[in-house]
């Protein structure tokens, strides 16, 4: 049992890291884009509240796309991917 717990924790960490690698984008650029384009309307508390509306990576991508369109930010596909990657790594942790 003592060996099993660290093994399971290691596997969970590896799975999370692998999921982050599969999601396209650059989280560092996404953070800068988020600061420049998103925090004027809301702070990061919307991502951590208990009743947050985003429940999947697809939902997160749709929300970023919707905000981009409605606020006429004109972010490119790559920039939107960067923002999604940042938000997922920092707040959501979807697989």
PDB file of N, CA and C in Angstrom:
ATOM      1  N   UNK A   1       0.822  -1.201   0.000  1.00  0.00           N
ATOM      2  CA  UNK A   1       0.000   0.000   0.000  1.00  0.00           C
ATOM      3  C   UNK A   1       0.864   1.261   0.000  1.00  0.00           C
ATOM      4  N   UNK A   2       2.001   1.231   0.714  1.00  0.00           N
ATOM      5  CA  UNK A   2       2.871   2.405   0.779  1.00  0.00           C
ATOM      6  C   UNK A   2       3.425   2.767  -0.594  1.00  0.00           C
ATOM      7  N   UNK A   3       3.655   1.780  -1.431  1.00  0.00           N
ATOM      8  CA  UNK A   3       4.184   2.035  -2.767  1.00  0.00           C
ATOM      9  C   UNK A   3       3.068   2.476  -3.709  1.00  0.00           C
ATOM     10  N   UNK A   4       1.881   2.005  -3.495  1.00  0.00           N
ATOM     11  CA  UNK A   4       0.760   2.293  -4.389  1.00  0.00           C
ATOM     12  C   UNK A   4       0.367   3.768  -4.381  1.00  0.00           C
ATOM     13  N   UNK A   5       0.328   4.401  -3.227  1.00  0.00           N
ATOM     14  CA  UNK A   5      -0.103   5.804  -3.136  1.00  0.00           C
ATOM     15  C   UNK A   5       0.817   6.729  -3.928  1.00  0.00           C
ATOM     16  N   UNK A   6       2.141   6.670  -3.741  1.00  0.00           N
ATOM     17  CA  UNK A   6       2.999   7.541  -4.557  1.00  0.00           C
ATOM     18  C   UNK A   6       2.885   7.238  -6.052  1.00  0.00           C
ATOM     19  N   UNK A   7       2.712   5.971  -6.406  1.00  0.00           N
ATOM     20  CA  UNK A   7       2.566   5.595  -7.806  1.00  0.00           C
ATOM     21  C   UNK A   7       1.318   6.232  -8.401  1.00  0.00           C
ATOM     22  N   UNK A   8       0.202   6.162  -7.698  1.00  0.00           N
ATOM     23  CA  UNK A   8      -1.050   6.754  -8.176  1.00  0.00           C
ATOM     24  C   UNK A   8      -0.895   8.259  -8.317  1.00  0.00           C
ATOM     25  N   UNK A   9      -0.272   8.912  -7.345  1.00  0.00           N
ATOM     26  CA  UNK A   9      -0.056  10.366  -7.429  1.00  0.00           C
ATOM     27  C   UNK A   9       0.830  10.723  -8.613  1.00  0.00           C
ATOM     28  N   UNK A  10       1.843   9.927  -8.856  1.00  0.00           N
ATOM     29  CA  UNK A  10       2.724  10.163  -9.991  1.00  0.00           C
ATOM     30  C   UNK A  10       1.966  10.011 -11.307  1.00  0.00           C
ATOM     31  N   UNK A  11       1.126   9.010 -11.411  1.00  0.00           N
ATOM     32  CA  UNK A  11       0.346   8.793 -12.625  1.00  0.00           C
ATOM     33  C   UNK A  11      -0.642   9.941 -12.866  1.00  0.00           C
ATOM     34  N   UNK A  12      -1.267  10.429 -11.806  1.00  0.00           N
ATOM     35  CA  UNK A  12      -2.191  11.561 -11.953  1.00  0.00           C
ATOM     36  C   UNK A  12      -1.456  12.803 -12.425  1.00  0.00           C
ATOM     37  N   UNK A  13      -0.296  13.064 -11.882  1.00  0.00           N
ATOM     38  CA  UNK A  13       0.495  14.223 -12.299  1.00  0.00           C
ATOM     39  C   UNK A  13       0.919  14.089 -13.756  1.00  0.00           C
ATOM     40  N   UNK A  14       1.324  12.903 -14.160  1.00  0.00           N
ATOM     41  CA  UNK A  14       1.741  12.676 -15.544  1.00  0.00           C
ATOM     42  C   UNK A  14       0.572  12.856 -16.497  1.00  0.00           C
ATOM     43  N   UNK A  15      -0.597  12.390 -16.119  1.00  0.00           N
ATOM     44  CA  UNK A  15      -1.783  12.532 -16.962  1.00  0.00           C
ATOM     45  C   UNK A  15      -2.141  13.996 -17.131  1.00  0.00           C
ATOM     46  N   UNK A  16      -2.083  14.772 -16.061  1.00  0.00           N
ATOM     47  CA  UNK A  16      -2.386  16.198 -16.134  1.00  0.00           C
ATOM     48  C   UNK A  16      -1.380  16.919 -17.024  1.00  0.00           C
ATOM     49  N   UNK A  17      -0.106  16.607 -16.870  1.00  0.00           N
ATOM     50  CA  UNK A  17       0.922  17.237 -17.693  1.00  0.00           C
ATOM     51  C   UNK A  17       0.739  16.863 -19.157  1.00  0.00           C
ATOM     52  N   UNK A  18       0.376  15.615 -19.420  1.00  0.00           N
ATOM     53  CA  UNK A  18       0.168  15.169 -20.793  1.00  0.00           C
ATOM     54  C   UNK A  18      -1.012  15.907 -21.420  1.00  0.00           C
ATOM     55  N   UNK A  19      -2.096  16.097 -20.666  1.00  0.00           N
ATOM     56  CA  UNK A  19      -3.257  16.813 -21.179  1.00  0.00           C
ATOM     57  C   UNK A  19      -2.882  18.246 -21.530  1.00  0.00           C
ATOM     58  N   UNK A  20      -2.051  18.885 -20.703  1.00  0.00           N
ATOM     59  CA  UNK A  20      -1.618  20.250 -20.989  1.00  0.00           C
ATOM     60  C   UNK A  20      -0.800  20.306 -22.272  1.00  0.00           C
ATOM     61  N   UNK A  21      -0.004  19.268 -22.540  1.00  0.00           N
ATOM     62  CA  UNK A  21       0.795  19.250 -23.757  1.00  0.00           C
ATOM     63  C   UNK A  21      -0.071  19.079 -24.996  1.00  0.00           C
ATOM     64  N   UNK A  22      -1.172  18.352 -24.881  1.00  0.00           N
ATOM     65  CA  UNK A  22      -2.030  18.100 -26.027  1.00  0.00           C
ATOM     66  C   UNK A  22      -2.856  19.317 -26.418  1.00  0.00           C
ATOM     67  N   UNK A  23      -3.149  20.184 -25.495  1.00  0.00           N
ATOM     68  CA  UNK A  23      -3.931  21.378 -25.770  1.00  0.00           C
ATOM     69  C   UNK A  23      -3.024  22.398 -26.457  1.00  0.00           C
ATOM     70  N   UNK A  24      -3.405  22.867 -27.655  1.00  0.00           N
ATOM     71  CA  UNK A  24      -2.536  23.813 -28.356  1.00  0.00           C
ATOM     72  C   UNK A  24      -2.507  25.164 -27.656  1.00  0.00           C
ATOM     73  N   UNK A  25      -1.440  25.887 -27.891  1.00  0.00           N
ATOM     74  CA  UNK A  25      -1.345  27.241 -27.367  1.00  0.00           C
ATOM     75  C   UNK A  25      -0.153  27.440 -26.463  1.00  0.00           C
ATOM     76  N   UNK A  26       0.070  28.680 -26.101  1.00  0.00           N
ATOM     77  CA  UNK A  26       1.164  29.092 -25.229  1.00  0.00           C
ATOM     78  C   UNK A  26       0.552  29.813 -24.037  1.00  0.00           C
ATOM     79  N   UNK A  27       0.615  29.190 -22.871  1.00  0.00           N
ATOM     80  CA  UNK A  27      -0.018  29.751 -21.675  1.00  0.00           C
ATOM     81  C   UNK A  27       0.597  31.089 -21.268  1.00  0.00           C
ATOM     82  N   UNK A  28       1.886  31.263 -21.482  1.00  0.00           N
ATOM     83  CA  UNK A  28       2.535  32.532 -21.139  1.00  0.00           C
ATOM     84  C   UNK A  28       1.975  33.688 -21.954  1.00  0.00           C
ATOM     85  N   UNK A  29       1.842  33.465 -23.260  1.00  0.00           N
ATOM     86  CA  UNK A  29       1.219  34.496 -24.106  1.00  0.00           C
ATOM     87  C   UNK A  29      -0.247  34.660 -23.751  1.00  0.00           C
ATOM     88  N   UNK A  30      -0.910  33.542 -23.442  1.00  0.00           N
ATOM     89  CA  UNK A  30      -2.319  33.595 -23.065  1.00  0.00           C
ATOM     90  C   UNK A  30      -2.554  34.449 -21.834  1.00  0.00           C
ATOM     91  N   UNK A  31      -1.654  34.370 -20.867  1.00  0.00           N
ATOM     92  CA  UNK A  31      -1.793  35.186 -19.657  1.00  0.00           C
ATOM     93  C   UNK A  31      -1.720  36.673 -20.000  1.00  0.00           C
ATOM     94  N   UNK A  32      -0.789  37.041 -20.861  1.00  0.00           N
ATOM     95  CA  UNK A  32      -0.658  38.448 -21.272  1.00  0.00           C
ATOM     96  C   UNK A  32      -1.886  38.908 -22.053  1.00  0.00           C
ATOM     97  N   UNK A  33      -2.364  38.057 -22.946  1.00  0.00           N
ATOM     98  CA  UNK A  33      -3.577  38.394 -23.703  1.00  0.00           C
ATOM     99  C   UNK A  33      -4.778  38.521 -22.777  1.00  0.00           C
ATOM    100  N   UNK A  34      -4.866  37.647 -21.794  1.00  0.00           N
ATOM    101  CA  UNK A  34      -5.958  37.697 -20.820  1.00  0.00           C
ATOM    102  C   UNK A  34      -5.923  39.021 -20.059  1.00  0.00           C
ATOM    103  N   UNK A  35      -4.742  39.397 -19.611  1.00  0.00           N
ATOM    104  CA  UNK A  35      -4.598  40.668 -18.892  1.00  0.00           C
ATOM    105  C   UNK A  35      -5.041  41.845 -19.755  1.00  0.00           C
ATOM    106  N   UNK A  36      -4.670  41.830 -21.012  1.00  0.00           N
ATOM    107  CA  UNK A  36      -4.956  42.947 -21.912  1.00  0.00           C
ATOM    108  C   UNK A  36      -6.403  42.974 -22.396  1.00  0.00           C
ATOM    109  N   UNK A  37      -7.071  41.822 -22.455  1.00  0.00           N
ATOM    110  CA  UNK A  37      -8.378  41.765 -23.110  1.00  0.00           C
ATOM    111  C   UNK A  37      -9.545  41.340 -22.229  1.00  0.00           C
ATOM    112  N   UNK A  38      -9.286  40.707 -21.113  1.00  0.00           N
ATOM    113  CA  UNK A  38     -10.381  40.112 -20.343  1.00  0.00           C
ATOM    114  C   UNK A  38     -10.617  40.779 -18.985  1.00  0.00           C
ATOM    115  N   UNK A  39      -9.574  41.236 -18.348  1.00  0.00           N
ATOM    116  CA  UNK A  39      -9.719  41.744 -16.985  1.00  0.00           C
ATOM    117  C   UNK A  39     -10.398  43.113 -16.917  1.00  0.00           C
ATOM    118  N   UNK A  40     -10.647  43.730 -18.050  1.00  0.00           N
ATOM    119  CA  UNK A  40     -11.419  44.972 -18.052  1.00  0.00           C
ATOM    120  C   UNK A  40     -12.885  44.727 -17.718  1.00  0.00           C
ATOM    121  N   UNK A  41     -13.361  43.513 -17.991  1.00  0.00           N
ATOM    122  CA  UNK A  41     -14.766  43.168 -17.722  1.00  0.00           C
ATOM    123  C   UNK A  41     -14.937  42.395 -16.417  1.00  0.00           C
ATOM    124  N   UNK A  42     -13.957  41.599 -16.051  1.00  0.00           N
ATOM    125  CA  UNK A  42     -14.072  40.783 -14.841  1.00  0.00           C
ATOM    126  C   UNK A  42     -12.694  40.414 -14.323  1.00  0.00           C
ATOM    127  N   UNK A  43     -12.640  40.057 -13.044  1.00  0.00           N
ATOM    128  CA  UNK A  43     -11.381  39.578 -12.486  1.00  0.00           C
ATOM    129  C   UNK A  43     -11.363  38.048 -12.532  1.00  0.00           C
ATOM    130  N   UNK A  44     -10.321  37.447 -12.019  1.00  0.00           N
ATOM    131  CA  UNK A  44     -10.189  35.992 -12.104  1.00  0.00           C
ATOM    132  C   UNK A  44     -11.138  35.248 -11.166  1.00  0.00           C
ATOM    133  N   UNK A  45     -11.865  35.941 -10.335  1.00  0.00           N
ATOM    134  CA  UNK A  45     -12.832  35.296  -9.446  1.00  0.00           C
ATOM    135  C   UNK A  45     -13.923  34.545 -10.192  1.00  0.00           C
ATOM    136  N   UNK A  46     -14.206  34.929 -11.423  1.00  0.00           N
ATOM    137  CA  UNK A  46     -15.239  34.220 -12.189  1.00  0.00           C
ATOM    138  C   UNK A  46     -14.812  32.796 -12.520  1.00  0.00           C
ATOM    139  N   UNK A  47     -13.520  32.523 -12.492  1.00  0.00           N
ATOM    140  CA  UNK A  47     -13.030  31.186 -12.819  1.00  0.00           C
ATOM    141  C   UNK A  47     -12.999  30.266 -11.602  1.00  0.00           C
ATOM    142  N   UNK A  48     -13.056  30.825 -10.430  1.00  0.00           N
ATOM    143  CA  UNK A  48     -12.925  30.009  -9.222  1.00  0.00           C
ATOM    144  C   UNK A  48     -14.209  29.921  -8.405  1.00  0.00           C
ATOM    145  N   UNK A  49     -15.243  30.625  -8.799  1.00  0.00           N
ATOM    146  CA  UNK A  49     -16.484  30.583  -8.020  1.00  0.00           C
ATOM    147  C   UNK A  49     -17.148  29.205  -8.134  1.00  0.00           C
ATOM    148  N   UNK A  50     -17.925  28.861  -7.135  1.00  0.00           N
ATOM    149  CA  UNK A  50     -18.525  27.528  -7.089  1.00  0.00           C
ATOM    150  C   UNK A  50     -19.570  27.307  -8.173  1.00  0.00           C
ATOM    151  N   UNK A  51     -20.206  28.360  -8.644  1.00  0.00           N
ATOM    152  CA  UNK A  51     -21.256  28.213  -9.665  1.00  0.00           C
ATOM    153  C   UNK A  51     -20.785  28.626 -11.062  1.00  0.00           C
ATOM    154  N   UNK A  52     -19.504  28.434 -11.330  1.00  0.00           N
ATOM    155  CA  UNK A  52     -18.990  28.813 -12.653  1.00  0.00           C
ATOM    156  C   UNK A  52     -19.679  27.996 -13.742  1.00  0.00           C
ATOM    157  N   UNK A  53     -19.887  28.611 -14.882  1.00  0.00           N
ATOM    158  CA  UNK A  53     -20.659  27.992 -15.949  1.00  0.00           C
ATOM    159  C   UNK A  53     -19.855  27.110 -16.883  1.00  0.00           C
ATOM    160  N   UNK A  54     -18.559  27.213 -16.875  1.00  0.00           N
ATOM    161  CA  UNK A  54     -17.717  26.437 -17.781  1.00  0.00           C
ATOM    162  C   UNK A  54     -17.481  25.059 -17.171  1.00  0.00           C
ATOM    163  N   UNK A  55     -17.832  24.007 -17.932  1.00  0.00           N
ATOM    164  CA  UNK A  55     -17.741  22.639 -17.413  1.00  0.00           C
ATOM    165  C   UNK A  55     -16.859  21.716 -18.254  1.00  0.00           C
ATOM    166  N   UNK A  56     -16.281  22.234 -19.345  1.00  0.00           N
ATOM    167  CA  UNK A  56     -15.450  21.400 -20.213  1.00  0.00           C
ATOM    168  C   UNK A  56     -14.500  22.283 -21.006  1.00  0.00           C
ATOM    169  N   UNK A  57     -13.505  21.650 -21.605  1.00  0.00           N
ATOM    170  CA  UNK A  57     -12.579  22.406 -22.438  1.00  0.00           C
ATOM    171  C   UNK A  57     -13.308  23.002 -23.639  1.00  0.00           C
ATOM    172  N   UNK A  58     -14.279  22.260 -24.188  1.00  0.00           N
ATOM    173  CA  UNK A  58     -15.078  22.793 -25.295  1.00  0.00           C
ATOM    174  C   UNK A  58     -15.877  24.012 -24.873  1.00  0.00           C
ATOM    175  N   UNK A  59     -16.441  23.968 -23.677  1.00  0.00           N
ATOM    176  CA  UNK A  59     -17.184  25.113 -23.153  1.00  0.00           C
ATOM    177  C   UNK A  59     -16.279  26.317 -22.941  1.00  0.00           C
ATOM    178  N   UNK A  60     -15.062  26.069 -22.485  1.00  0.00           N
ATOM    179  CA  UNK A  60     -14.094  27.147 -22.288  1.00  0.00           C
ATOM    180  C   UNK A  60     -13.725  27.773 -23.634  1.00  0.00           C
ATOM    181  N   UNK A  61     -13.491  26.940 -24.642  1.00  0.00           N
ATOM    182  CA  UNK A  61     -13.165  27.460 -25.966  1.00  0.00           C
ATOM    183  C   UNK A  61     -14.325  28.282 -26.528  1.00  0.00           C
ATOM    184  N   UNK A  62     -15.541  27.813 -26.339  1.00  0.00           N
ATOM    185  CA  UNK A  62     -16.714  28.559 -26.817  1.00  0.00           C
ATOM    186  C   UNK A  62     -16.845  29.892 -26.109  1.00  0.00           C
ATOM    187  N   UNK A  63     -16.584  29.929 -24.804  1.00  0.00           N
ATOM    188  CA  UNK A  63     -16.702  31.186 -24.059  1.00  0.00           C
ATOM    189  C   UNK A  63     -15.658  32.186 -24.510  1.00  0.00           C
ATOM    190  N   UNK A  64     -14.440  31.737 -24.714  1.00  0.00           N
ATOM    191  CA  UNK A  64     -13.390  32.643 -25.187  1.00  0.00           C
ATOM    192  C   UNK A  64     -13.757  33.169 -26.578  1.00  0.00           C
ATOM    193  N   UNK A  65     -14.254  32.296 -27.451  1.00  0.00           N
ATOM    194  CA  UNK A  65     -14.682  32.720 -28.786  1.00  0.00           C
ATOM    195  C   UNK A  65     -15.816  33.738 -28.699  1.00  0.00           C
ATOM    196  N   UNK A  66     -16.791  33.481 -27.827  1.00  0.00           N
ATOM    197  CA  UNK A  66     -17.940  34.380 -27.677  1.00  0.00           C
ATOM    198  C   UNK A  66     -17.493  35.763 -27.190  1.00  0.00           C
ATOM    199  N   UNK A  67     -16.618  35.780 -26.180  1.00  0.00           N
ATOM    200  CA  UNK A  67     -16.132  37.069 -25.671  1.00  0.00           C
ATOM    201  C   UNK A  67     -15.349  37.810 -26.760  1.00  0.00           C
ATOM    202  N   UNK A  68     -14.537  37.090 -27.494  1.00  0.00           N
ATOM    203  CA  UNK A  68     -13.768  37.694 -28.578  1.00  0.00           C
ATOM    204  C   UNK A  68     -14.687  38.346 -29.602  1.00  0.00           C
ATOM    205  N   UNK A  69     -15.767  37.655 -29.964  1.00  0.00           N
ATOM    206  CA  UNK A  69     -16.707  38.172 -30.962  1.00  0.00           C
ATOM    207  C   UNK A  69     -17.512  39.343 -30.407  1.00  0.00           C
ATOM    208  N   UNK A  70     -18.105  39.157 -29.237  1.00  0.00           N
ATOM    209  CA  UNK A  70     -18.971  40.198 -28.682  1.00  0.00           C
ATOM    210  C   UNK A  70     -18.223  41.477 -28.331  1.00  0.00           C
ATOM    211  N   UNK A  71     -16.992  41.334 -27.879  1.00  0.00           N
ATOM    212  CA  UNK A  71     -16.212  42.512 -27.500  1.00  0.00           C
ATOM    213  C   UNK A  71     -15.339  43.035 -28.638  1.00  0.00           C
ATOM    214  N   UNK A  72     -15.453  42.376 -29.798  1.00  0.00           N
ATOM    215  CA  UNK A  72     -14.712  42.782 -30.992  1.00  0.00           C
ATOM    216  C   UNK A  72     -13.219  42.937 -30.723  1.00  0.00           C
ATOM    217  N   UNK A  73     -12.642  41.917 -30.072  1.00  0.00           N
ATOM    218  CA  UNK A  73     -11.213  41.946 -29.758  1.00  0.00           C
ATOM    219  C   UNK A  73     -10.357  41.532 -30.949  1.00  0.00           C
ATOM    220  N   UNK A  74     -10.946  40.799 -31.892  1.00  0.00           N
ATOM    221  CA  UNK A  74     -10.241  40.365 -33.098  1.00  0.00           C
ATOM    222  C   UNK A  74      -8.986  39.541 -32.799  1.00  0.00           C
ATOM    223  N   UNK A  75      -9.062  38.702 -31.774  1.00  0.00           N
ATOM    224  CA  UNK A  75      -7.947  37.800 -31.490  1.00  0.00           C
ATOM    225  C   UNK A  75      -7.914  36.720 -32.564  1.00  0.00           C
ATOM    226  N   UNK A  76      -6.722  36.352 -32.976  1.00  0.00           N
ATOM    227  CA  UNK A  76      -6.559  35.288 -33.979  1.00  0.00           C
ATOM    228  C   UNK A  76      -6.890  33.939 -33.340  1.00  0.00           C
ATOM    229  N   UNK A  77      -6.997  32.911 -34.165  1.00  0.00           N
ATOM    230  CA  UNK A  77      -7.215  31.558 -33.652  1.00  0.00           C
ATOM    231  C   UNK A  77      -6.108  31.163 -32.673  1.00  0.00           C
ATOM    232  N   UNK A  78      -4.866  31.476 -33.038  1.00  0.00           N
ATOM    233  CA  UNK A  78      -3.723  31.138 -32.181  1.00  0.00           C
ATOM    234  C   UNK A  78      -3.801  31.883 -30.849  1.00  0.00           C
ATOM    235  N   UNK A  79      -4.173  33.149 -30.884  1.00  0.00           N
ATOM    236  CA  UNK A  79      -4.279  33.926 -29.643  1.00  0.00           C
ATOM    237  C   UNK A  79      -5.395  33.395 -28.753  1.00  0.00           C
ATOM    238  N   UNK A  80      -6.519  33.014 -29.351  1.00  0.00           N
ATOM    239  CA  UNK A  80      -7.608  32.429 -28.557  1.00  0.00           C
ATOM    240  C   UNK A  80      -7.168  31.104 -27.941  1.00  0.00           C
ATOM    241  N   UNK A  81      -6.408  30.307 -28.683  1.00  0.00           N
ATOM    242  CA  UNK A  81      -5.858  29.060 -28.139  1.00  0.00           C
ATOM    243  C   UNK A  81      -4.915  29.339 -26.976  1.00  0.00           C
ATOM    244  N   UNK A  82      -4.133  30.403 -27.075  1.00  0.00           N
ATOM    245  CA  UNK A  82      -3.233  30.786 -25.988  1.00  0.00           C
ATOM    246  C   UNK A  82      -4.023  31.129 -24.725  1.00  0.00           C
ATOM    247  N   UNK A  83      -5.101  31.876 -24.888  1.00  0.00           N
ATOM    248  CA  UNK A  83      -5.930  32.261 -23.732  1.00  0.00           C
ATOM    249  C   UNK A  83      -6.574  31.019 -23.119  1.00  0.00           C
ATOM    250  N   UNK A  84      -7.095  30.131 -23.940  1.00  0.00           N
ATOM    251  CA  UNK A  84      -7.708  28.898 -23.437  1.00  0.00           C
ATOM    252  C   UNK A  84      -6.675  28.073 -22.685  1.00  0.00           C
ATOM    253  N   UNK A  85      -5.493  27.932 -23.245  1.00  0.00           N
ATOM    254  CA  UNK A  85      -4.430  27.162 -22.588  1.00  0.00           C
ATOM    255  C   UNK A  85      -4.091  27.786 -21.240  1.00  0.00           C
ATOM    256  N   UNK A  86      -3.947  29.092 -21.171  1.00  0.00           N
ATOM    257  CA  UNK A  86      -3.657  29.767 -19.912  1.00  0.00           C
ATOM    258  C   UNK A  86      -4.768  29.521 -18.889  1.00  0.00           C
ATOM    259  N   UNK A  87      -6.004  29.751 -19.290  1.00  0.00           N
ATOM    260  CA  UNK A  87      -7.118  29.587 -18.349  1.00  0.00           C
ATOM    261  C   UNK A  87      -7.226  28.148 -17.868  1.00  0.00           C
ATOM    262  N   UNK A  88      -7.009  27.199 -18.756  1.00  0.00           N
ATOM    263  CA  UNK A  88      -7.099  25.798 -18.358  1.00  0.00           C
ATOM    264  C   UNK A  88      -5.979  25.425 -17.392  1.00  0.00           C
ATOM    265  N   UNK A  89      -4.760  25.853 -17.691  1.00  0.00           N
ATOM    266  CA  UNK A  89      -3.637  25.528 -16.809  1.00  0.00           C
ATOM    267  C   UNK A  89      -3.756  26.224 -15.462  1.00  0.00           C
ATOM    268  N   UNK A  90      -4.211  27.444 -15.471  1.00  0.00           N
ATOM    269  CA  UNK A  90      -4.234  28.240 -14.234  1.00  0.00           C
ATOM    270  C   UNK A  90      -5.453  27.966 -13.371  1.00  0.00           C
ATOM    271  N   UNK A  91      -6.622  27.733 -13.985  1.00  0.00           N
ATOM    272  CA  UNK A  91      -7.859  27.656 -13.216  1.00  0.00           C
ATOM    273  C   UNK A  91      -8.665  26.369 -13.373  1.00  0.00           C
ATOM    274  N   UNK A  92      -8.833  25.893 -14.569  1.00  0.00           N
ATOM    275  CA  UNK A  92      -9.815  24.830 -14.805  1.00  0.00           C
ATOM    276  C   UNK A  92      -9.266  23.418 -14.694  1.00  0.00           C
ATOM    277  N   UNK A  93      -8.160  23.138 -15.289  1.00  0.00           N
ATOM    278  CA  UNK A  93      -7.545  21.811 -15.251  1.00  0.00           C
ATOM    279  C   UNK A  93      -8.396  20.720 -15.897  1.00  0.00           C
ATOM    280  N   UNK A  94      -9.059  21.048 -17.011  1.00  0.00           N
ATOM    281  CA  UNK A  94      -9.798  20.035 -17.749  1.00  0.00           C
ATOM    282  C   UNK A  94      -8.811  19.076 -18.412  1.00  0.00           C
ATOM    283  N   UNK A  95      -9.216  17.836 -18.561  1.00  0.00           N
ATOM    284  CA  UNK A  95      -8.362  16.812 -19.196  1.00  0.00           C
ATOM    285  C   UNK A  95      -8.566  16.798 -20.672  1.00  0.00           C
TER     286      UNK A  95
END
